Amino acid sequence: MLAAQRLLFVYNTDGGLLPGLKDLFHKILSPATYPCSLCAVTYGATSMQPEWKAFVQGLPVPVEFLHRDEFARAYPQWRGQALPAAFAAAETGELTPFIEAPEMDAADLNQLMALVRARLV
């Protein structure tokens, strides 16, 4: 098993009400240009996909989700990292890339879940 205390998924979008509304409309009106593949496959119009939610809750490690702006504040040393992405967080708090942006961008929900499962083993 991967030596991770938790997994950290980072959306390629900012947090907050206004950015959330902007993202909602962008995802609906122009899905081909929507910049967050993680959001696109794990969220419907207003809430997390039930299949993804159940999957995350069943993982053997805790999972945390951050928006791009929250991630940049908490981990400024990773500011240049392409997003969306997922990181394995060690007990020390050190992050290691777990799923990088190109892999995230290429995955649908089932592929994303399979990738997480495979890397946790």
Protein backbone atom coordinates (compact mmCIF):
# COMPACT_ATOMS: atom_id res chain seq x y z
CA MET A 1 0.00 0.00 0.00
CA LEU A 2 1.14 3.52 -0.74
CA ALA A 3 2.64 5.24 2.30
CA ALA A 4 0.02 7.96 2.37
CA GLN A 5 -1.76 9.31 5.40
CA ARG A 6 -4.33 10.88 3.10
CA LEU A 7 -5.07 11.74 -0.51
CA LEU A 8 -5.46 15.33 -1.60
CA PHE A 9 -7.42 16.08 -4.78
CA VAL A 10 -7.04 19.58 -6.17
CA TYR A 11 -9.60 21.10 -8.52
CA ASN A 12 -8.48 23.41 -11.31
CA THR A 13 -10.95 26.05 -10.19
CA ASP A 14 -11.17 28.55 -7.36
CA GLY A 15 -13.41 28.11 -4.33
CA GLY A 16 -16.29 30.35 -3.30
CA LEU A 17 -19.81 31.15 -4.44
CA LEU A 18 -19.03 33.42 -7.40
CA PRO A 19 -16.34 31.16 -8.93
CA GLY A 20 -18.65 28.18 -8.31
CA LEU A 21 -21.50 29.79 -10.24
CA LYS A 22 -19.15 30.76 -13.05
CA ASP A 23 -17.87 27.17 -13.21
CA LEU A 24 -21.39 25.75 -13.23
CA PHE A 25 -22.36 27.83 -16.25
CA HIS A 26 -19.06 27.17 -18.03
CA LYS A 27 -19.43 23.41 -17.51
CA ILE A 28 -23.00 23.46 -18.87
CA LEU A 29 -22.56 25.93 -21.73
CA SER A 30 -19.11 24.96 -22.97
CA PRO A 31 -18.04 21.58 -21.56
CA ALA A 32 -15.29 21.15 -24.16
CA THR A 33 -13.42 24.20 -22.82
CA TYR A 34 -14.08 23.58 -19.12
CA PRO A 35 -10.62 23.55 -17.44
CA CYS A 36 -11.29 21.11 -14.59
CA SER A 37 -11.61 17.52 -15.72
CA LEU A 38 -11.78 16.40 -12.07
CA CYS A 39 -14.87 18.56 -11.53
CA ALA A 40 -16.35 17.46 -14.84
CA VAL A 41 -16.23 13.72 -14.06
CA THR A 42 -16.90 13.76 -10.31
CA TYR A 43 -19.65 16.39 -10.11
CA GLY A 44 -23.05 16.79 -11.69
CA ALA A 45 -24.62 20.24 -12.01
CA THR A 46 -24.73 20.88 -8.26
CA SER A 47 -23.40 17.94 -6.28
CA MET A 48 -20.82 15.17 -6.17
CA GLN A 49 -21.63 12.09 -8.24
CA PRO A 50 -23.01 9.41 -5.85
CA GLU A 51 -20.70 6.75 -7.29
CA TRP A 52 -17.62 8.92 -6.69
CA LYS A 53 -18.79 9.91 -3.22
CA ALA A 54 -19.26 6.26 -2.21
CA PHE A 55 -15.89 5.35 -3.75
CA VAL A 56 -14.03 8.08 -1.84
CA GLN A 57 -15.74 7.16 1.43
CA GLY A 58 -14.67 3.53 0.95
CA LEU A 59 -10.98 4.25 0.43
CA PRO A 60 -8.51 3.05 3.11
CA VAL A 61 -7.15 6.59 3.60
CA PRO A 62 -8.89 9.90 4.26
CA VAL A 63 -9.46 12.10 1.23
CA GLU A 64 -9.38 15.89 1.15
CA PHE A 65 -10.47 18.17 -1.68
CA LEU A 66 -9.09 21.66 -2.26
CA HIS A 67 -9.73 24.31 -4.88
CA ARG A 68 -6.82 25.83 -6.77
CA ASP A 69 -6.70 29.01 -4.64
CA GLU A 70 -6.90 27.05 -1.36
CA PHE A 71 -4.13 24.72 -2.53
CA ALA A 72 -1.87 27.63 -3.52
CA ARG A 73 -2.29 29.19 -0.07
CA ALA A 74 -1.70 25.93 1.82
CA TYR A 75 1.13 24.63 -0.39
CA PRO A 76 2.83 27.63 -2.07
CA GLN A 77 5.77 25.46 -3.12
CA TRP A 78 3.40 23.56 -5.47
CA ARG A 79 1.94 26.70 -7.04
CA GLY A 80 3.31 25.86 -10.51
CA GLN A 81 1.84 22.33 -10.54
CA ALA A 82 -0.56 21.66 -13.41
CA LEU A 83 -4.09 21.05 -12.15
CA PRO A 84 -6.33 19.20 -11.58
CA ALA A 85 -4.15 16.71 -9.76
CA ALA A 86 -4.08 14.40 -6.78
CA PHE A 87 -1.34 14.08 -4.18
CA ALA A 88 -0.41 11.52 -1.55
CA ALA A 89 0.24 13.28 1.74
CA ALA A 90 2.72 11.66 4.10
CA GLU A 91 2.49 11.78 7.88
CA THR A 92 5.02 14.63 7.76
CA GLY A 93 2.68 16.61 5.50
CA GLU A 94 5.00 16.21 2.51
CA LEU A 95 3.16 15.83 -0.80
CA THR A 96 3.98 13.44 -3.60
CA PRO A 97 2.19 13.56 -6.96
CA PHE A 98 -0.35 10.73 -7.10
CA ILE A 99 -2.27 11.51 -10.29
CA GLU A 100 -0.97 14.30 -12.50
CA ALA A 101 -3.01 16.62 -14.73
CA PRO A 102 -2.54 14.76 -18.06
CA GLU A 103 -3.76 11.50 -16.50
CA MET A 104 -6.65 13.29 -14.80
CA ASP A 105 -7.61 15.00 -18.06
CA ALA A 106 -7.65 11.69 -19.93
CA ALA A 107 -9.79 9.77 -17.41
CA ASP A 108 -13.52 9.34 -17.16
CA LEU A 109 -15.01 8.52 -13.76
CA ASN A 110 -14.46 4.74 -14.00
CA GLN A 111 -10.89 5.20 -15.20
CA LEU A 112 -10.18 7.68 -12.41
CA MET A 113 -11.47 5.25 -9.79
CA ALA A 114 -9.42 2.40 -11.31
CA LEU A 115 -6.31 4.59 -11.28
CA VAL A 116 -6.79 5.48 -7.61
CA ARG A 117 -7.36 1.82 -6.69
CA ALA A 118 -4.28 0.66 -8.63
CA ARG A 119 -2.00 3.26 -7.05
CA LEU A 120 -3.15 2.57 -3.51
CA VAL A 121 -2.17 -1.09 -3.75
